[in-house]
Every structure is written in structure tokens, then in C-alpha cells.
C-alpha atoms as a PDB file:
ATOM      1  CA  MET A   1       0.079   0.186  -0.247  1.00  0.00           C
ATOM      2  CA  SER A   2       1.181   3.504  -0.754  1.00  0.00           C
ATOM      3  CA  ASP A   3       1.574   5.869   1.821  1.00  0.00           C
ATOM      4  CA  ASN A   4      -1.178   8.139   0.376  1.00  0.00           C
ATOM      5  CA  ARG A   5      -3.531   5.003   0.223  1.00  0.00           C
ATOM      6  CA  GLU A   6      -2.108   4.102   3.605  1.00  0.00           C
ATOM      7  CA  VAL A   7      -2.887   7.391   5.306  1.00  0.00           C
ATOM      8  CA  ALA A   8      -6.071   7.292   3.671  1.00  0.00           C
ATOM      9  CA  ALA A   9      -7.267   3.864   4.548  1.00  0.00           C
ATOM     10  CA  PHE A  10      -6.313   4.248   8.282  1.00  0.00           C
ATOM     11  CA  ALA A  11      -8.444   7.917   8.354  1.00  0.00           C
ATOM     12  CA  ALA A  12     -11.480   5.842   6.652  1.00  0.00           C
ATOM     13  CA  VAL A  13     -11.163   2.845   9.279  1.00  0.00           C
ATOM     14  CA  ALA A  14     -10.480   5.317  12.692  1.00  0.00           C
ATOM     15  CA  ASP A  15     -13.400   7.734  11.635  1.00  0.00           C
ATOM     16  CA  ALA A  16     -15.819   4.280  11.204  1.00  0.00           C
ATOM     17  CA  ILE A  17     -15.245   2.637  14.680  1.00  0.00           C
ATOM     18  CA  ARG A  18     -16.892   3.684  17.756  1.00  0.00           C
ATOM     19  CA  PHE A  19     -13.976   2.920  20.427  1.00  0.00           C
ATOM     20  CA  ASP A  20     -14.798   2.336  23.690  1.00  0.00           C
ATOM     21  CA  ASP A  21     -13.916   4.937  26.892  1.00  0.00           C
ATOM     22  CA  SER A  22     -10.359   3.726  26.683  1.00  0.00           C
ATOM     23  CA  GLY A  23     -10.370   3.984  23.208  1.00  0.00           C
ATOM     24  CA  LEU A  24      -9.881   0.612  22.481  1.00  0.00           C
ATOM     25  CA  VAL A  25     -12.556  -2.056  20.429  1.00  0.00           C
ATOM     26  CA  PRO A  26     -12.953  -5.450  20.689  1.00  0.00           C
ATOM     27  CA  VAL A  27     -11.270  -8.000  17.676  1.00  0.00           C
ATOM     28  CA  ILE A  28     -11.899 -11.093  16.669  1.00  0.00           C
ATOM     29  CA  ALA A  29      -9.428 -12.978  14.618  1.00  0.00           C
ATOM     30  CA  GLN A  30     -10.590 -15.674  12.296  1.00  0.00           C
ATOM     31  CA  GLN A  31      -8.661 -17.425   9.507  1.00  0.00           C
ATOM     32  CA  HIS A  32      -9.739 -16.313   6.409  1.00  0.00           C
ATOM     33  CA  ASP A  33      -9.798 -19.675   4.277  1.00  0.00           C
ATOM     34  CA  SER A  34     -11.293 -21.974   7.045  1.00  0.00           C
ATOM     35  CA  GLY A  35     -13.374 -19.681   9.143  1.00  0.00           C
ATOM     36  CA  GLU A  36     -12.068 -20.614  11.996  1.00  0.00           C
ATOM     37  CA  VAL A  37     -12.371 -18.250  14.987  1.00  0.00           C
ATOM     38  CA  LEU A  38      -8.839 -18.419  16.290  1.00  0.00           C
ATOM     39  CA  MET A  39      -9.000 -15.632  19.359  1.00  0.00           C
ATOM     40  CA  LEU A  40     -10.760 -12.260  20.746  1.00  0.00           C
ATOM     41  CA  ALA A  41      -8.049  -9.141  21.570  1.00  0.00           C
ATOM     42  CA  TRP A  42      -7.950  -5.185  21.554  1.00  0.00           C
ATOM     43  CA  MET A  43      -7.072  -2.853  19.206  1.00  0.00           C
ATOM     44  CA  ASN A  44      -6.574   1.240  19.683  1.00  0.00           C
ATOM     45  CA  ALA A  45      -6.033   3.719  16.997  1.00  0.00           C
ATOM     46  CA  ASP A  46      -2.241   2.743  17.074  1.00  0.00           C
ATOM     47  CA  ALA A  47      -2.844  -0.897  16.492  1.00  0.00           C
ATOM     48  CA  ILE A  48      -5.202  -0.346  13.605  1.00  0.00           C
ATOM     49  CA  ALA A  49      -2.827   2.019  12.128  1.00  0.00           C
ATOM     50  CA  GLU A  50       0.152  -0.239  12.059  1.00  0.00           C
ATOM     51  CA  THR A  51      -1.590  -3.688  11.003  1.00  0.00           C
ATOM     52  CA  LEU A  52      -3.026  -1.832   7.886  1.00  0.00           C
ATOM     53  CA  ARG A  53       0.469  -0.441   7.290  1.00  0.00           C
ATOM     54  CA  THR A  54       2.692  -3.628   8.052  1.00  0.00           C
ATOM     55  CA  ARG A  55      -0.463  -6.396   7.116  1.00  0.00           C
ATOM     56  CA  GLN A  56       0.418  -7.962  10.035  1.00  0.00           C
ATOM     57  CA  VAL A  57      -2.074  -7.845  12.514  1.00  0.00           C
ATOM     58  CA  CYS A  58      -1.228  -5.676  15.317  1.00  0.00           C
ATOM     59  CA  TYR A  59      -3.020  -5.919  18.927  1.00  0.00           C
ATOM     60  CA  TRP A  60      -2.921  -3.625  21.830  1.00  0.00           C
ATOM     61  CA  SER A  61      -1.992  -5.545  25.067  1.00  0.00           C
ATOM     62  CA  ARG A  62      -4.055  -4.604  28.166  1.00  0.00           C
ATOM     63  CA  SER A  63      -1.950  -6.176  30.579  1.00  0.00           C
ATOM     64  CA  ARG A  64       1.319  -4.891  29.028  1.00  0.00           C
ATOM     65  CA  ALA A  65      -0.203  -1.444  28.258  1.00  0.00           C
ATOM     66  CA  ARG A  66       1.515  -1.178  24.894  1.00  0.00           C
ATOM     67  CA  LEU A  67       1.176  -2.360  21.105  1.00  0.00           C
ATOM     68  CA  TRP A  68       1.531  -6.029  20.753  1.00  0.00           C
ATOM     69  CA  ARG A  69       2.555  -7.537  17.255  1.00  0.00           C
ATOM     70  CA  LYS A  70       1.019 -10.943  17.043  1.00  0.00           C
ATOM     71  CA  GLY A  71       3.716 -13.218  16.862  1.00  0.00           C
ATOM     72  CA  GLU A  72       6.517 -11.092  17.780  1.00  0.00           C
ATOM     73  CA  THR A  73       8.187 -13.569  20.377  1.00  0.00           C
ATOM     74  CA  SER A  74       6.643 -16.703  18.899  1.00  0.00           C
ATOM     75  CA  GLY A  75       6.842 -16.613  15.598  1.00  0.00           C
ATOM     76  CA  HIS A  76       2.847 -17.303  15.311  1.00  0.00           C
ATOM     77  CA  THR A  77       1.947 -14.579  13.399  1.00  0.00           C
ATOM     78  CA  GLN A  78      -1.286 -13.349  11.225  1.00  0.00           C
ATOM     79  CA  ALA A  79      -0.978 -11.887   8.172  1.00  0.00           C
ATOM     80  CA  LEU A  80      -3.903  -9.504   7.719  1.00  0.00           C
ATOM     81  CA  LYS A  81      -6.345 -10.561   4.628  1.00  0.00           C
ATOM     82  CA  ASP A  82      -9.335  -8.175   5.513  1.00  0.00           C
ATOM     83  CA  LEU A  83     -10.640  -5.771   8.255  1.00  0.00           C
ATOM     84  CA  ARG A  84     -13.891  -5.589   8.768  1.00  0.00           C
ATOM     85  CA  TRP A  85     -16.267  -3.954  11.520  1.00  0.00           C
ATOM     86  CA  ASP A  86     -20.220  -4.579  12.318  1.00  0.00           C
ATOM     87  CA  CYS A  87     -22.868  -3.108  12.112  1.00  0.00           C
ATOM     88  CA  ASP A  88     -22.746  -0.924  15.192  1.00  0.00           C
ATOM     89  CA  ALA A  89     -19.184  -0.475  14.453  1.00  0.00           C
ATOM     90  CA  ASP A  90     -18.145  -1.677  18.273  1.00  0.00           C
ATOM     91  CA  ALA A  91     -16.695  -4.596  17.270  1.00  0.00           C
ATOM     92  CA  LEU A  92     -13.678  -5.537  14.138  1.00  0.00           C
ATOM     93  CA  LEU A  93     -13.271  -8.837  12.681  1.00  0.00           C
ATOM     94  CA  VAL A  94      -9.656  -9.553  10.955  1.00  0.00           C
ATOM     95  CA  LEU A  95      -9.426 -12.028   9.005  1.00  0.00           C
ATOM     96  CA  VAL A  96      -6.516 -13.476   9.048  1.00  0.00           C
ATOM     97  CA  ASP A  97      -3.626 -16.190   7.761  1.00  0.00           C
ATOM     98  CA  GLN A  98      -2.358 -17.701  10.827  1.00  0.00           C
ATOM     99  CA  GLU A  99       1.090 -19.137  11.137  1.00  0.00           C
ATOM    100  CA  GLY A 100       0.962 -21.350  13.758  1.00  0.00           C
ATOM    101  CA  VAL A 101      -0.954 -21.460  16.798  1.00  0.00           C
ATOM    102  CA  ALA A 102      -3.133 -18.774  18.005  1.00  0.00           C
ATOM    103  CA  CYS A 103      -3.089 -19.233  21.691  1.00  0.00           C
ATOM    104  CA  HIS A 104      -0.972 -18.710  24.220  1.00  0.00           C
ATOM    105  CA  THR A 105      -1.725 -22.247  25.698  1.00  0.00           C
ATOM    106  CA  GLY A 106       0.119 -23.972  22.295  1.00  0.00           C
ATOM    107  CA  ARG A 107      -3.632 -24.890  20.859  1.00  0.00           C
ATOM    108  CA  ARG A 108      -4.774 -23.189  17.428  1.00  0.00           C
ATOM    109  CA  SER A 109      -7.859 -21.283  18.754  1.00  0.00           C
ATOM    110  CA  CYS A 110      -8.636 -19.685  21.794  1.00  0.00           C
ATOM    111  CA  PHE A 111     -11.753 -21.145  21.780  1.00  0.00           C
ATOM    112  CA  PHE A 112     -11.258 -24.753  23.014  1.00  0.00           C
ATOM    113  CA  ASN A 113     -13.483 -25.018  26.197  1.00  0.00           C
ATOM    114  CA  ALA A 114     -17.289 -26.449  25.407  1.00  0.00           C
ATOM    115  CA  LEU A 115     -20.009 -27.222  27.073  1.00  0.00           C
ATOM    116  CA  ARG A 116     -20.145 -31.178  26.432  1.00  0.00           C
ATOM    117  CA  ASP A 117     -22.724 -33.561  27.493  1.00  0.00           C
ATOM    118  CA  GLY A 118     -23.668 -31.255  30.217  1.00  0.00           C
ATOM    119  CA  ALA A 119     -20.183 -30.516  31.227  1.00  0.00           C
ATOM    120  CA  PRO A 120     -17.323 -28.518  30.427  1.00  0.00           C
ATOM    121  CA  ALA A 121     -14.762 -30.235  28.322  1.00  0.00           C
ATOM    122  CA  VAL A 122     -11.499 -29.261  26.509  1.00  0.00           C
ATOM    123  CA  ILE A 123     -11.981 -29.699  22.675  1.00  0.00           C
ATOM    124  CA  ALA A 124      -8.720 -29.150  21.039  1.00  0.00           C
ATOM    125  CA  GLU A 125      -5.254 -30.463  22.369  1.00  0.00           C
ATOM    126  CA  VAL A 126      -2.040 -28.469  22.928  1.00  0.00           C
ATOM    127  CA  GLU A 127      -0.211 -28.632  19.706  1.00  0.00           C
ATOM    128  CA  ILE A 128       3.036 -26.975  20.923  1.00  0.00           C
ATOM    129  CA  ALA A 129       4.152 -26.502  24.300  1.00  0.00           C
ATOM    130  CA  PRO A 130       2.377 -23.577  26.174  1.00  0.00           C
ATOM    131  CA  GLY A 131       5.982 -21.822  26.698  1.00  0.00           C
ATOM    132  CA  ALA A 132       6.826 -22.050  23.100  1.00  0.00           C
ATOM    133  CA  ALA A 133       3.671 -20.155  22.233  1.00  0.00           C
ATOM    134  CA  GLY A 134       4.775 -17.329  23.420  1.00  0.00           C
ATOM    135  CA  ASP A 135       3.019 -13.750  23.016  1.00  0.00           C
END
């Protein structure tokens, strides 16, 4: 993306989004080709700008109080394929190409807990050691 198109794209997105009182918006990451829901995170305006600029998904880490580039320590990156927002403009959807696992627990998706036969159950196995999942 050229610099002018990049600035215009960010301005259009930032103007359309309704950030909360902390300047954040929730973001669902979904695998672009399979539809698998991978994770929920948060973005601020800087994270959106960084994501659009680099085409690598960047979030705002509430626990670290800083930008968090997905995969910065683990290498389990998310290449941006599309960025969308909902009808109320208060939630984002990033369609990504996930490299490796998305969850810090070492699973492909953070959504591995489910109700089965009336009881909580883990429905996805650990793919890599949780410490190796990083981020």
C-alpha cells in the first residue's frame, strides 16, 4: 500500500469505529480460508494503523499497556487478509492467515472450551508447549 493510500485507509477506518472509553475496540481474529475463530483481542487506533501499514496484525495488550505484534516472540504471526467492522461499528473482525498456533496455551484457537454432555470439556489438544506459544 502506498503512503497516501495507507493514510487514507487508516483515516477511513478510524473515523468509522466507535472506540470505548479506554480508546479500545474488541477484535475477533478468524482464519480467512477455513472460517475458524482463533481469538479475541483489543485494538486501539495505533494498533489499527500498524496493522494496515504492515499487513501483520497488531493488537493493544491491556496487561502490558503497549502495542503487541502477534507473533513478536513466538513467530506465530497473523497476516492480515481483510479488516471488517460490525453494524454498530463497535467490534472488528480481522481475517488472517495464521502461522502456527493462535493461543498462548499452545492450541490453534483460544476457543477450546465447550459444554459437552452437560459438563465443561476441552475440545482441542495442545499442539505445542505453552511456553513456546509465547506472545
